[in-house]
């Protein structure tokens, strides 16, 4: 009886969500060098997970030190909520020439792009929570992907993660310390590309120290 209820419940999800979940069935761990990573970023109306909304999503994939810029993902969402005071940060107006999609269309495109890949973000919890809240608004579950936070991983690679009152590094600070060029800052796609470059720099550092393994990357 319980099995039948669960089966019907699962079947009630739209096909694109079931396809996404199916990507995680029988997923085997692959070597880091053979893994497809996806760095992504969101621009939002603010920092309130419940009340604010995602304005744009940018993502870029990479594998074995090669970033596939030509297949990057760039989405601009229709704005249900508009806060003029945040325009000076992200530059996104409520109306304009940009082609915008609905939240549901953005969800479909994002899930199709990332599949079961490992997601990389700077201060990842915020982007993760904003995405999950958007998914929940449409009756879906939370993201199933593994996440790596470049801010946390950088501090861990410097062996300073346990210092008290240590402020989190901004993406700008990491770019300066790791000699990563800043291009299209505060655009979702630009920040996704910068995050990918920062992550690859950190991986190179970990590789030299013989720390380049899944246990080190994923464990907090």
N, C-alpha and C. Protein backbone atom coordinates (compact mmCIF):
# COMPACT_ATOMS: atom_id res chain seq x y z
N UNK A 1 0.83 -1.20 0.00
CA UNK A 1 0.00 0.00 0.00
C UNK A 1 0.87 1.26 0.00
N UNK A 2 1.84 1.28 0.89
CA UNK A 2 2.75 2.42 0.96
C UNK A 2 3.55 2.56 -0.33
N UNK A 3 3.96 1.41 -0.91
CA UNK A 3 4.71 1.43 -2.17
C UNK A 3 3.86 2.03 -3.28
N UNK A 4 2.58 1.65 -3.35
CA UNK A 4 1.70 2.18 -4.39
C UNK A 4 1.53 3.68 -4.26
N UNK A 5 1.40 4.16 -3.01
CA UNK A 5 1.27 5.60 -2.78
C UNK A 5 2.52 6.33 -3.24
N UNK A 6 3.70 5.76 -2.91
CA UNK A 6 4.97 6.40 -3.29
C UNK A 6 5.12 6.41 -4.80
N UNK A 7 4.73 5.33 -5.44
CA UNK A 7 4.85 5.23 -6.90
C UNK A 7 3.97 6.27 -7.57
N UNK A 8 2.74 6.42 -7.10
CA UNK A 8 1.84 7.40 -7.68
C UNK A 8 2.36 8.81 -7.46
N UNK A 9 2.92 9.03 -6.25
CA UNK A 9 3.46 10.34 -5.93
C UNK A 9 4.62 10.68 -6.85
N UNK A 10 5.48 9.71 -7.10
CA UNK A 10 6.61 9.93 -7.99
C UNK A 10 6.14 10.21 -9.40
N UNK A 11 5.12 9.48 -9.85
CA UNK A 11 4.61 9.64 -11.20
C UNK A 11 3.94 10.99 -11.41
N UNK A 12 3.52 11.65 -10.32
CA UNK A 12 2.82 12.92 -10.45
C UNK A 12 3.77 14.06 -10.81
N UNK A 13 5.07 13.83 -10.68
CA UNK A 13 6.03 14.86 -11.06
C UNK A 13 6.10 14.99 -12.58
N UNK A 14 6.43 16.17 -13.08
CA UNK A 14 6.58 16.33 -14.54
C UNK A 14 7.76 15.53 -15.06
N UNK A 15 7.71 15.23 -16.35
CA UNK A 15 8.74 14.37 -16.96
C UNK A 15 10.15 14.94 -16.78
N UNK A 16 10.31 16.25 -16.90
CA UNK A 16 11.66 16.81 -16.83
C UNK A 16 12.28 16.60 -15.44
N UNK A 17 11.44 16.59 -14.40
CA UNK A 17 11.95 16.35 -13.05
C UNK A 17 12.30 14.88 -12.86
N UNK A 18 11.45 14.00 -13.38
CA UNK A 18 11.76 12.57 -13.31
C UNK A 18 13.02 12.24 -14.09
N UNK A 19 13.23 12.91 -15.22
CA UNK A 19 14.45 12.69 -16.00
C UNK A 19 15.68 13.15 -15.21
N UNK A 20 15.54 14.25 -14.50
CA UNK A 20 16.64 14.75 -13.67
C UNK A 20 16.96 13.76 -12.56
N UNK A 21 15.96 13.27 -11.86
CA UNK A 21 16.17 12.30 -10.79
C UNK A 21 16.81 11.02 -11.32
N UNK A 22 16.41 10.62 -12.53
CA UNK A 22 16.94 9.38 -13.11
C UNK A 22 18.44 9.47 -13.34
N UNK A 23 18.98 10.69 -13.49
CA UNK A 23 20.42 10.85 -13.71
C UNK A 23 21.24 10.35 -12.52
N UNK A 24 20.62 10.31 -11.34
CA UNK A 24 21.34 9.94 -10.12
C UNK A 24 21.22 8.46 -9.78
N UNK A 25 20.42 7.73 -10.55
CA UNK A 25 20.28 6.30 -10.31
C UNK A 25 21.52 5.56 -10.79
N UNK A 26 22.06 4.75 -9.92
CA UNK A 26 23.25 3.94 -10.24
C UNK A 26 24.43 4.79 -10.71
N UNK A 27 24.54 6.00 -10.15
CA UNK A 27 25.66 6.87 -10.52
C UNK A 27 26.93 6.39 -9.82
N UNK A 28 27.97 6.15 -10.59
CA UNK A 28 29.24 5.70 -10.04
C UNK A 28 30.20 6.87 -9.89
N UNK A 29 31.06 6.78 -8.89
CA UNK A 29 32.05 7.83 -8.69
C UNK A 29 33.12 7.75 -9.77
N UNK A 30 33.39 8.88 -10.38
CA UNK A 30 34.41 8.93 -11.44
C UNK A 30 35.62 9.70 -10.93
N UNK A 31 36.79 9.46 -11.52
CA UNK A 31 37.98 10.24 -11.14
C UNK A 31 37.74 11.73 -11.35
N UNK A 32 38.38 12.54 -10.54
CA UNK A 32 38.20 13.99 -10.62
C UNK A 32 38.54 14.50 -12.03
N UNK A 33 39.59 13.94 -12.63
CA UNK A 33 40.02 14.40 -13.95
C UNK A 33 38.98 14.08 -15.03
N UNK A 34 38.10 13.11 -14.78
CA UNK A 34 37.10 12.73 -15.77
C UNK A 34 35.71 13.27 -15.43
N UNK A 35 35.61 14.04 -14.38
CA UNK A 35 34.33 14.55 -13.91
C UNK A 35 33.97 15.86 -14.59
N UNK A 36 32.73 15.98 -14.99
CA UNK A 36 32.22 17.26 -15.52
C UNK A 36 31.72 18.08 -14.35
N UNK A 37 32.32 19.24 -14.16
CA UNK A 37 31.90 20.18 -13.14
C UNK A 37 31.09 21.30 -13.80
N UNK A 38 30.19 21.88 -13.05
CA UNK A 38 29.44 23.05 -13.53
C UNK A 38 29.54 24.14 -12.49
N UNK A 39 30.20 25.25 -12.86
CA UNK A 39 30.24 26.42 -11.99
C UNK A 39 29.04 27.28 -12.35
N UNK A 40 28.32 27.76 -11.33
CA UNK A 40 27.15 28.57 -11.63
C UNK A 40 27.01 29.71 -10.63
N UNK A 41 26.20 30.68 -11.01
CA UNK A 41 25.97 31.85 -10.17
C UNK A 41 24.57 32.37 -10.44
N UNK A 42 24.00 33.03 -9.44
CA UNK A 42 22.70 33.67 -9.62
C UNK A 42 22.80 35.14 -9.26
N UNK A 43 22.07 35.96 -9.98
CA UNK A 43 21.86 37.36 -9.59
C UNK A 43 20.43 37.45 -9.07
N UNK A 44 20.23 38.11 -7.96
CA UNK A 44 18.92 38.09 -7.29
C UNK A 44 18.47 39.50 -6.91
N UNK A 45 17.21 39.59 -6.50
CA UNK A 45 16.69 40.89 -6.05
C UNK A 45 17.14 41.22 -4.64
N UNK A 46 17.75 40.27 -3.95
CA UNK A 46 18.20 40.49 -2.58
C UNK A 46 18.65 39.19 -1.95
N UNK A 47 18.76 39.19 -0.63
CA UNK A 47 19.32 38.04 0.07
C UNK A 47 18.30 37.27 0.92
N UNK A 48 17.04 37.63 0.82
CA UNK A 48 16.00 36.92 1.56
C UNK A 48 15.54 35.72 0.74
N UNK A 49 15.82 34.53 1.25
CA UNK A 49 15.54 33.31 0.48
C UNK A 49 14.06 33.18 0.15
N UNK A 50 13.19 33.57 1.08
CA UNK A 50 11.75 33.40 0.89
C UNK A 50 11.14 34.51 0.03
N UNK A 51 11.57 35.74 0.24
CA UNK A 51 10.91 36.87 -0.39
C UNK A 51 11.55 37.30 -1.71
N UNK A 52 12.86 37.15 -1.84
CA UNK A 52 13.54 37.61 -3.05
C UNK A 52 13.48 36.56 -4.16
N UNK A 53 13.84 36.98 -5.35
CA UNK A 53 13.74 36.12 -6.52
C UNK A 53 15.04 36.16 -7.33
N UNK A 54 15.24 35.11 -8.10
CA UNK A 54 16.40 35.02 -9.00
C UNK A 54 16.11 35.82 -10.27
N UNK A 55 17.05 36.67 -10.64
CA UNK A 55 16.92 37.48 -11.85
C UNK A 55 17.63 36.84 -13.04
N UNK A 56 18.75 36.20 -12.77
CA UNK A 56 19.50 35.55 -13.85
C UNK A 56 20.31 34.39 -13.29
N UNK A 57 20.57 33.43 -14.16
CA UNK A 57 21.38 32.25 -13.83
C UNK A 57 22.44 32.11 -14.91
N UNK A 58 23.68 31.97 -14.49
CA UNK A 58 24.76 31.72 -15.42
C UNK A 58 25.50 30.46 -15.03
N UNK A 59 25.89 29.65 -15.99
CA UNK A 59 26.61 28.41 -15.69
C UNK A 59 27.59 28.09 -16.81
N UNK A 60 28.71 27.50 -16.42
CA UNK A 60 29.72 27.07 -17.39
C UNK A 60 30.26 25.72 -16.94
N UNK A 61 30.45 24.83 -17.88
CA UNK A 61 30.93 23.48 -17.54
C UNK A 61 32.41 23.36 -17.88
N UNK A 62 33.07 22.45 -17.17
CA UNK A 62 34.48 22.20 -17.46
C UNK A 62 34.85 20.79 -17.01
N UNK A 63 35.86 20.26 -17.69
CA UNK A 63 36.35 18.91 -17.39
C UNK A 63 37.84 18.85 -17.69
N UNK A 64 38.59 18.28 -16.77
CA UNK A 64 40.03 18.09 -16.97
C UNK A 64 40.72 19.39 -17.42
N UNK A 65 40.43 20.47 -16.69
CA UNK A 65 41.06 21.78 -16.89
C UNK A 65 40.62 22.51 -18.17
N UNK A 66 39.64 21.97 -18.87
CA UNK A 66 39.13 22.62 -20.08
C UNK A 66 37.76 23.20 -19.80
N UNK A 67 37.60 24.53 -19.97
CA UNK A 67 36.32 25.19 -19.75
C UNK A 67 35.61 25.36 -21.09
N UNK A 68 34.38 24.89 -21.14
CA UNK A 68 33.61 24.91 -22.40
C UNK A 68 32.75 26.17 -22.45
N UNK A 69 33.40 27.30 -22.74
CA UNK A 69 32.72 28.59 -22.74
C UNK A 69 31.63 28.64 -23.81
N UNK A 70 31.86 27.96 -24.94
CA UNK A 70 30.92 28.03 -26.06
C UNK A 70 29.60 27.32 -25.76
N UNK A 71 29.56 26.53 -24.68
CA UNK A 71 28.30 25.85 -24.33
C UNK A 71 27.80 26.33 -22.96
N UNK A 72 28.15 27.55 -22.59
CA UNK A 72 27.71 28.08 -21.30
C UNK A 72 26.21 28.34 -21.32
N UNK A 73 25.64 28.43 -20.13
CA UNK A 73 24.21 28.67 -19.97
C UNK A 73 23.99 30.07 -19.43
N UNK A 74 23.09 30.82 -20.06
CA UNK A 74 22.79 32.18 -19.62
C UNK A 74 21.28 32.39 -19.70
N UNK A 75 20.66 32.58 -18.54
CA UNK A 75 19.21 32.72 -18.46
C UNK A 75 18.84 34.01 -17.74
N UNK A 76 17.87 34.72 -18.28
CA UNK A 76 17.32 35.90 -17.62
C UNK A 76 15.85 35.62 -17.34
N UNK A 77 15.45 35.84 -16.11
CA UNK A 77 14.11 35.47 -15.68
C UNK A 77 13.17 36.67 -15.65
N UNK A 78 11.90 36.39 -15.96
CA UNK A 78 10.88 37.42 -15.84
C UNK A 78 10.78 37.85 -14.38
N UNK A 79 10.68 39.15 -14.17
CA UNK A 79 10.76 39.68 -12.82
C UNK A 79 9.38 39.91 -12.21
N UNK A 80 9.01 39.02 -11.28
CA UNK A 80 7.78 39.22 -10.53
C UNK A 80 8.00 40.29 -9.46
N UNK A 81 9.21 40.34 -8.93
CA UNK A 81 9.58 41.30 -7.90
C UNK A 81 10.68 42.18 -8.46
N UNK A 82 10.55 43.48 -8.30
CA UNK A 82 11.55 44.41 -8.82
C UNK A 82 11.99 45.35 -7.71
N UNK A 83 13.30 45.43 -7.48
CA UNK A 83 13.86 46.32 -6.48
C UNK A 83 14.86 47.25 -7.16
N UNK A 84 14.45 48.48 -7.44
CA UNK A 84 15.32 49.42 -8.17
C UNK A 84 16.69 49.61 -7.52
N UNK A 85 16.76 49.49 -6.20
CA UNK A 85 18.03 49.75 -5.51
C UNK A 85 19.09 48.71 -5.83
N UNK A 86 18.69 47.54 -6.34
CA UNK A 86 19.68 46.50 -6.64
C UNK A 86 20.18 46.56 -8.08
N UNK A 87 19.56 47.41 -8.91
CA UNK A 87 19.94 47.50 -10.33
C UNK A 87 21.39 47.95 -10.47
N UNK A 88 21.85 48.82 -9.57
CA UNK A 88 23.23 49.32 -9.66
C UNK A 88 24.25 48.20 -9.46
N UNK A 89 23.83 47.06 -8.89
CA UNK A 89 24.73 45.92 -8.68
C UNK A 89 24.74 45.00 -9.89
N UNK A 90 23.55 44.56 -10.30
CA UNK A 90 23.47 43.57 -11.39
C UNK A 90 23.10 44.16 -12.74
N UNK A 91 22.57 45.40 -12.76
CA UNK A 91 22.25 46.06 -14.02
C UNK A 91 21.05 45.53 -14.75
N UNK A 92 20.22 44.72 -14.10
CA UNK A 92 19.07 44.10 -14.77
C UNK A 92 17.79 44.88 -14.48
N UNK A 93 17.20 45.41 -15.54
CA UNK A 93 15.96 46.17 -15.42
C UNK A 93 14.76 45.23 -15.54
N UNK A 94 13.61 45.72 -15.09
CA UNK A 94 12.40 44.90 -15.17
C UNK A 94 11.99 44.66 -16.61
N UNK A 95 12.18 45.66 -17.43
CA UNK A 95 11.90 45.51 -18.86
C UNK A 95 13.16 45.88 -19.64
N UNK A 96 13.19 45.54 -20.90
CA UNK A 96 14.36 45.85 -21.72
C UNK A 96 14.44 44.91 -22.90
N UNK A 97 15.61 44.87 -23.53
CA UNK A 97 15.79 44.10 -24.75
C UNK A 97 16.13 42.63 -24.49
N UNK A 98 16.52 42.31 -23.26
CA UNK A 98 16.91 40.93 -22.97
C UNK A 98 15.72 39.99 -23.06
N UNK A 99 15.94 38.83 -23.66
CA UNK A 99 14.89 37.81 -23.72
C UNK A 99 14.81 37.12 -22.36
N UNK A 100 13.62 37.12 -21.76
CA UNK A 100 13.45 36.56 -20.43
C UNK A 100 12.50 35.38 -20.45
N UNK A 101 12.76 34.45 -19.54
CA UNK A 101 11.95 33.23 -19.46
C UNK A 101 11.27 33.16 -18.10
N UNK A 102 10.27 32.31 -18.00
CA UNK A 102 9.59 32.12 -16.72
C UNK A 102 10.47 31.30 -15.79
N UNK A 103 10.12 31.28 -14.50
CA UNK A 103 10.86 30.46 -13.55
C UNK A 103 10.86 29.01 -13.96
N UNK A 104 9.71 28.50 -14.39
CA UNK A 104 9.62 27.09 -14.76
C UNK A 104 10.50 26.78 -15.97
N UNK A 105 10.53 27.65 -16.94
CA UNK A 105 11.39 27.45 -18.11
C UNK A 105 12.86 27.47 -17.70
N UNK A 106 13.21 28.36 -16.75
CA UNK A 106 14.59 28.44 -16.26
C UNK A 106 14.97 27.16 -15.53
N UNK A 107 14.06 26.63 -14.74
CA UNK A 107 14.31 25.38 -14.02
C UNK A 107 14.59 24.24 -14.99
N UNK A 108 13.76 24.12 -16.00
CA UNK A 108 13.93 23.06 -17.00
C UNK A 108 15.30 23.17 -17.68
N UNK A 109 15.66 24.37 -18.10
CA UNK A 109 16.93 24.58 -18.80
C UNK A 109 18.11 24.30 -17.89
N UNK A 110 18.03 24.72 -16.63
CA UNK A 110 19.13 24.53 -15.69
C UNK A 110 19.33 23.04 -15.39
N UNK A 111 18.26 22.33 -15.10
CA UNK A 111 18.37 20.91 -14.78
C UNK A 111 18.89 20.11 -15.97
N UNK A 112 18.45 20.47 -17.16
CA UNK A 112 18.93 19.77 -18.36
C UNK A 112 20.42 20.01 -18.56
N UNK A 113 20.89 21.20 -18.17
CA UNK A 113 22.31 21.55 -18.35
C UNK A 113 23.19 20.86 -17.32
N UNK A 114 22.78 20.85 -16.05
CA UNK A 114 23.65 20.35 -14.99
C UNK A 114 23.55 18.84 -14.80
N UNK A 115 22.39 18.26 -15.11
CA UNK A 115 22.18 16.82 -14.90
C UNK A 115 22.66 16.40 -13.50
N UNK A 116 23.56 15.41 -13.41
CA UNK A 116 24.03 14.95 -12.10
C UNK A 116 25.46 15.42 -11.80
N UNK A 117 25.89 16.47 -12.49
CA UNK A 117 27.26 16.94 -12.33
C UNK A 117 27.49 17.61 -10.98
N UNK A 118 28.75 17.73 -10.60
CA UNK A 118 29.12 18.40 -9.36
C UNK A 118 29.03 19.91 -9.59
N UNK A 119 28.31 20.60 -8.71
CA UNK A 119 28.11 22.04 -8.87
C UNK A 119 29.11 22.83 -8.03
N UNK A 120 29.64 23.89 -8.63
CA UNK A 120 30.63 24.75 -7.98
C UNK A 120 30.04 26.15 -7.88
N UNK A 121 30.13 26.75 -6.71
CA UNK A 121 29.65 28.12 -6.55
C UNK A 121 30.45 28.80 -5.44
N UNK A 122 30.49 30.13 -5.48
CA UNK A 122 31.16 30.88 -4.42
C UNK A 122 30.12 31.27 -3.39
N UNK A 123 30.37 30.91 -2.11
CA UNK A 123 29.34 31.01 -1.06
C UNK A 123 28.11 30.23 -1.54
N UNK A 124 28.32 28.96 -1.79
CA UNK A 124 27.37 28.10 -2.49
C UNK A 124 26.02 27.98 -1.80
N UNK A 125 25.98 28.07 -0.48
CA UNK A 125 24.71 27.88 0.22
C UNK A 125 23.64 28.86 -0.23
N UNK A 126 24.04 30.09 -0.50
CA UNK A 126 23.06 31.09 -0.93
C UNK A 126 22.45 30.71 -2.28
N UNK A 127 23.30 30.45 -3.28
CA UNK A 127 22.80 30.09 -4.61
C UNK A 127 21.99 28.80 -4.54
N UNK A 128 22.48 27.84 -3.77
CA UNK A 128 21.78 26.56 -3.61
C UNK A 128 20.41 26.78 -3.01
N UNK A 129 20.33 27.57 -1.94
CA UNK A 129 19.05 27.80 -1.28
C UNK A 129 18.07 28.58 -2.15
N UNK A 130 18.59 29.55 -2.92
CA UNK A 130 17.72 30.29 -3.83
C UNK A 130 17.15 29.38 -4.92
N UNK A 131 17.99 28.50 -5.45
CA UNK A 131 17.52 27.55 -6.46
C UNK A 131 16.51 26.59 -5.85
N UNK A 132 16.79 26.07 -4.67
CA UNK A 132 15.88 25.12 -4.03
C UNK A 132 14.52 25.77 -3.74
N UNK A 133 14.54 27.01 -3.31
CA UNK A 133 13.28 27.71 -3.02
C UNK A 133 12.46 27.87 -4.30
N UNK A 134 13.14 28.15 -5.40
CA UNK A 134 12.44 28.26 -6.68
C UNK A 134 11.84 26.92 -7.08
N UNK A 135 12.59 25.85 -6.88
CA UNK A 135 12.08 24.51 -7.20
C UNK A 135 10.85 24.18 -6.35
N UNK A 136 10.92 24.50 -5.07
CA UNK A 136 9.81 24.20 -4.16
C UNK A 136 8.56 25.00 -4.53
N UNK A 137 8.73 26.21 -5.03
CA UNK A 137 7.56 27.01 -5.44
C UNK A 137 6.80 26.33 -6.56
N UNK A 138 7.47 25.46 -7.30
CA UNK A 138 6.82 24.77 -8.42
C UNK A 138 6.54 23.30 -8.10
N UNK A 139 6.51 22.98 -6.81
CA UNK A 139 6.11 21.64 -6.39
C UNK A 139 7.15 20.57 -6.63
N UNK A 140 8.41 20.95 -6.77
CA UNK A 140 9.49 20.00 -7.03
C UNK A 140 10.32 19.80 -5.77
N UNK A 141 11.26 18.88 -5.81
CA UNK A 141 12.16 18.66 -4.68
C UNK A 141 13.37 19.57 -4.77
N UNK A 142 14.33 19.32 -3.90
CA UNK A 142 15.55 20.11 -3.87
C UNK A 142 16.60 19.51 -4.82
N UNK A 143 17.61 20.31 -5.15
CA UNK A 143 18.70 19.83 -6.01
C UNK A 143 19.39 18.64 -5.36
N UNK A 144 19.72 17.64 -6.16
CA UNK A 144 20.37 16.43 -5.67
C UNK A 144 21.88 16.43 -5.89
N UNK A 145 22.37 17.42 -6.61
CA UNK A 145 23.79 17.45 -6.96
C UNK A 145 24.68 17.67 -5.75
N UNK A 146 25.92 17.19 -5.85
CA UNK A 146 26.92 17.52 -4.85
C UNK A 146 27.41 18.95 -5.11
N UNK A 147 27.70 19.68 -4.03
CA UNK A 147 28.12 21.06 -4.13
C UNK A 147 29.53 21.24 -3.56
N UNK A 148 30.28 22.13 -4.19
CA UNK A 148 31.58 22.55 -3.65
C UNK A 148 31.58 24.07 -3.60
N UNK A 149 31.91 24.62 -2.44
CA UNK A 149 31.97 26.06 -2.24
C UNK A 149 33.42 26.52 -2.39
N UNK A 150 33.69 27.38 -3.36
CA UNK A 150 35.07 27.82 -3.60
C UNK A 150 35.61 28.64 -2.42
N UNK A 151 34.75 29.38 -1.76
CA UNK A 151 35.19 30.16 -0.61
C UNK A 151 35.67 29.26 0.52
N UNK A 152 34.88 28.24 0.82
CA UNK A 152 35.25 27.29 1.87
C UNK A 152 36.48 26.49 1.47
N UNK A 153 36.50 26.03 0.22
CA UNK A 153 37.61 25.19 -0.23
C UNK A 153 38.92 25.97 -0.22
N UNK A 154 38.87 27.26 -0.55
CA UNK A 154 40.08 28.07 -0.53
C UNK A 154 40.63 28.16 0.89
N UNK A 155 39.76 28.46 1.84
CA UNK A 155 40.22 28.56 3.23
C UNK A 155 40.77 27.22 3.71
N UNK A 156 40.12 26.16 3.30
CA UNK A 156 40.58 24.83 3.69
C UNK A 156 41.96 24.55 3.10
N UNK A 157 42.17 24.97 1.85
CA UNK A 157 43.47 24.74 1.20
C UNK A 157 44.57 25.56 1.85
N UNK A 158 44.18 26.65 2.51
CA UNK A 158 45.16 27.50 3.20
C UNK A 158 45.34 27.07 4.66
N UNK A 159 44.57 26.04 5.07
CA UNK A 159 44.65 25.51 6.44
C UNK A 159 44.29 26.58 7.48
N UNK A 160 43.31 27.44 7.16
CA UNK A 160 42.91 28.48 8.11
C UNK A 160 41.41 28.41 8.40
N UNK A 161 40.80 27.31 8.04
CA UNK A 161 39.35 27.21 8.16
C UNK A 161 38.87 27.28 9.60
N UNK A 162 39.69 26.87 10.54
CA UNK A 162 39.24 26.81 11.92
C UNK A 162 39.58 28.04 12.74
N UNK A 163 40.15 29.07 12.10
CA UNK A 163 40.41 30.30 12.84
C UNK A 163 39.09 30.99 13.18
N UNK A 164 38.98 31.46 14.40
CA UNK A 164 37.75 32.12 14.81
C UNK A 164 37.65 33.51 14.21
N UNK A 165 36.38 33.94 13.98
CA UNK A 165 36.09 35.29 13.49
C UNK A 165 36.74 35.59 12.15
N UNK A 166 37.00 34.56 11.37
CA UNK A 166 37.61 34.77 10.06
C UNK A 166 36.52 35.12 9.05
N UNK A 167 36.62 36.29 8.43
CA UNK A 167 35.62 36.72 7.48
C UNK A 167 35.74 35.88 6.20
N UNK A 168 34.61 35.54 5.58
CA UNK A 168 34.68 34.79 4.32
C UNK A 168 35.30 35.63 3.22
N UNK A 169 36.08 35.00 2.38
CA UNK A 169 36.71 35.70 1.26
C UNK A 169 35.67 36.03 0.19
N UNK A 170 35.71 37.24 -0.31
CA UNK A 170 34.86 37.60 -1.44
C UNK A 170 35.47 37.01 -2.71
N UNK A 171 34.68 36.95 -3.76
CA UNK A 171 35.18 36.45 -5.04
C UNK A 171 36.27 37.37 -5.57
N UNK A 172 36.13 38.67 -5.35
CA UNK A 172 37.15 39.63 -5.78
C UNK A 172 38.48 39.37 -5.07
N UNK A 173 38.42 39.08 -3.78
CA UNK A 173 39.63 38.81 -3.01
C UNK A 173 40.33 37.55 -3.51
N UNK A 174 39.55 36.52 -3.81
CA UNK A 174 40.14 35.28 -4.32
C UNK A 174 40.78 35.51 -5.68
N UNK A 175 40.13 36.30 -6.53
CA UNK A 175 40.71 36.62 -7.84
C UNK A 175 42.05 37.31 -7.69
N UNK A 176 42.14 38.22 -6.73
CA UNK A 176 43.38 38.95 -6.51
C UNK A 176 44.47 38.02 -5.99
N UNK A 177 44.13 37.17 -5.03
CA UNK A 177 45.13 36.27 -4.44
C UNK A 177 45.57 35.17 -5.39
N UNK A 178 44.66 34.73 -6.27
CA UNK A 178 44.97 33.63 -7.17
C UNK A 178 45.32 34.09 -8.58
N UNK A 179 45.36 35.42 -8.77
CA UNK A 179 45.72 35.98 -10.08
C UNK A 179 44.75 35.54 -11.17
N UNK A 180 43.47 35.68 -10.87
CA UNK A 180 42.42 35.35 -11.84
C UNK A 180 41.83 36.66 -12.38
N UNK A 181 41.81 36.84 -13.69
CA UNK A 181 41.27 38.09 -14.26
C UNK A 181 39.78 38.24 -13.97
N UNK A 182 39.37 39.46 -13.66
CA UNK A 182 37.96 39.74 -13.38
C UNK A 182 37.30 40.26 -14.64
N UNK A 183 36.37 39.47 -15.16
CA UNK A 183 35.68 39.82 -16.39
C UNK A 183 34.17 39.70 -16.16
N UNK A 184 33.41 40.71 -16.57
CA UNK A 184 31.94 40.69 -16.43
C UNK A 184 31.49 40.39 -15.01
N UNK A 185 32.15 41.04 -14.05
CA UNK A 185 31.79 40.85 -12.65
C UNK A 185 30.36 41.32 -12.40
N UNK A 186 29.66 40.57 -11.54
CA UNK A 186 28.26 40.82 -11.17
C UNK A 186 27.30 40.60 -12.33
N UNK A 187 27.72 39.79 -13.29
CA UNK A 187 26.77 39.15 -14.20
C UNK A 187 26.85 37.67 -13.86
N UNK A 188 25.72 36.97 -13.96
CA UNK A 188 25.70 35.58 -13.53
C UNK A 188 26.69 34.73 -14.33
N UNK A 189 26.72 34.91 -15.64
CA UNK A 189 27.63 34.10 -16.47
C UNK A 189 29.08 34.49 -16.23
N UNK A 190 29.35 35.79 -16.08
CA UNK A 190 30.70 36.25 -15.80
C UNK A 190 31.22 35.70 -14.48
N UNK A 191 30.38 35.76 -13.45
CA UNK A 191 30.79 35.25 -12.14
C UNK A 191 30.95 33.74 -12.15
N UNK A 192 30.13 33.04 -12.96
CA UNK A 192 30.28 31.60 -13.08
C UNK A 192 31.63 31.24 -13.69
N UNK A 193 32.02 31.98 -14.73
CA UNK A 193 33.32 31.74 -15.37
C UNK A 193 34.47 32.04 -14.40
N UNK A 194 34.38 33.15 -13.67
CA UNK A 194 35.41 33.49 -12.69
C UNK A 194 35.50 32.40 -11.62
N UNK A 195 34.35 31.92 -11.17
CA UNK A 195 34.33 30.86 -10.15
C UNK A 195 35.00 29.59 -10.67
N UNK A 196 34.77 29.27 -11.93
CA UNK A 196 35.41 28.09 -12.53
C UNK A 196 36.93 28.25 -12.54
N UNK A 197 37.41 29.43 -12.90
CA UNK A 197 38.85 29.69 -12.93
C UNK A 197 39.46 29.63 -11.53
N UNK A 198 38.76 30.20 -10.55
CA UNK A 198 39.22 30.13 -9.16
C UNK A 198 39.30 28.69 -8.70
N UNK A 199 38.28 27.91 -9.01
CA UNK A 199 38.26 26.50 -8.60
C UNK A 199 39.44 25.73 -9.20
N UNK A 200 39.73 25.97 -10.48
CA UNK A 200 40.83 25.27 -11.12
C UNK A 200 42.18 25.66 -10.51
N UNK A 201 42.30 26.92 -10.10
CA UNK A 201 43.53 27.37 -9.42
C UNK A 201 43.69 26.64 -8.08
N UNK A 202 42.59 26.50 -7.35
CA UNK A 202 42.64 25.80 -6.07
C UNK A 202 42.97 24.33 -6.27
N UNK A 203 42.39 23.72 -7.32
CA UNK A 203 42.69 22.32 -7.62
C UNK A 203 44.18 22.12 -7.88
N UNK A 204 44.78 23.06 -8.60
CA UNK A 204 46.22 22.95 -8.89
C UNK A 204 47.02 23.00 -7.60
N UNK A 205 46.62 23.83 -6.68
CA UNK A 205 47.30 23.91 -5.39
C UNK A 205 47.15 22.59 -4.62
N UNK A 206 45.94 22.04 -4.62
CA UNK A 206 45.70 20.79 -3.90
C UNK A 206 46.46 19.63 -4.53
N UNK A 207 46.57 19.65 -5.86
CA UNK A 207 47.28 18.59 -6.56
C UNK A 207 48.75 18.57 -6.15
N UNK A 208 49.35 19.75 -6.00
CA UNK A 208 50.75 19.83 -5.58
C UNK A 208 50.94 19.27 -4.18
N UNK A 209 49.91 19.41 -3.35
CA UNK A 209 50.01 18.94 -1.97
C UNK A 209 49.48 17.52 -1.79
N UNK A 210 49.16 16.86 -2.89
CA UNK A 210 48.64 15.49 -2.86
C UNK A 210 47.30 15.40 -2.12
N UNK A 211 46.51 16.48 -2.18
CA UNK A 211 45.21 16.51 -1.52
C UNK A 211 44.07 16.45 -2.54
N UNK A 212 44.38 16.19 -3.77
CA UNK A 212 43.36 16.21 -4.81
C UNK A 212 42.61 14.88 -4.83
N UNK A 213 41.60 14.79 -3.98
CA UNK A 213 40.75 13.59 -3.92
C UNK A 213 39.35 14.01 -3.48
N UNK A 214 38.38 13.13 -3.73
CA UNK A 214 36.99 13.46 -3.42
C UNK A 214 36.76 13.68 -1.94
N UNK A 215 37.45 12.91 -1.11
CA UNK A 215 37.28 13.07 0.33
C UNK A 215 37.63 14.47 0.78
N UNK A 216 38.69 15.03 0.21
CA UNK A 216 39.12 16.37 0.58
C UNK A 216 38.20 17.43 0.00
N UNK A 217 37.75 17.25 -1.25
CA UNK A 217 36.92 18.26 -1.91
C UNK A 217 35.54 18.36 -1.29
N UNK A 218 34.93 17.23 -0.94
CA UNK A 218 33.54 17.22 -0.54
C UNK A 218 33.32 17.25 0.97
N UNK A 219 34.30 16.85 1.74
CA UNK A 219 34.09 16.81 3.19
C UNK A 219 34.36 18.17 3.81
N UNK A 220 33.44 18.58 4.71
CA UNK A 220 33.59 19.84 5.42
C UNK A 220 33.99 19.59 6.85
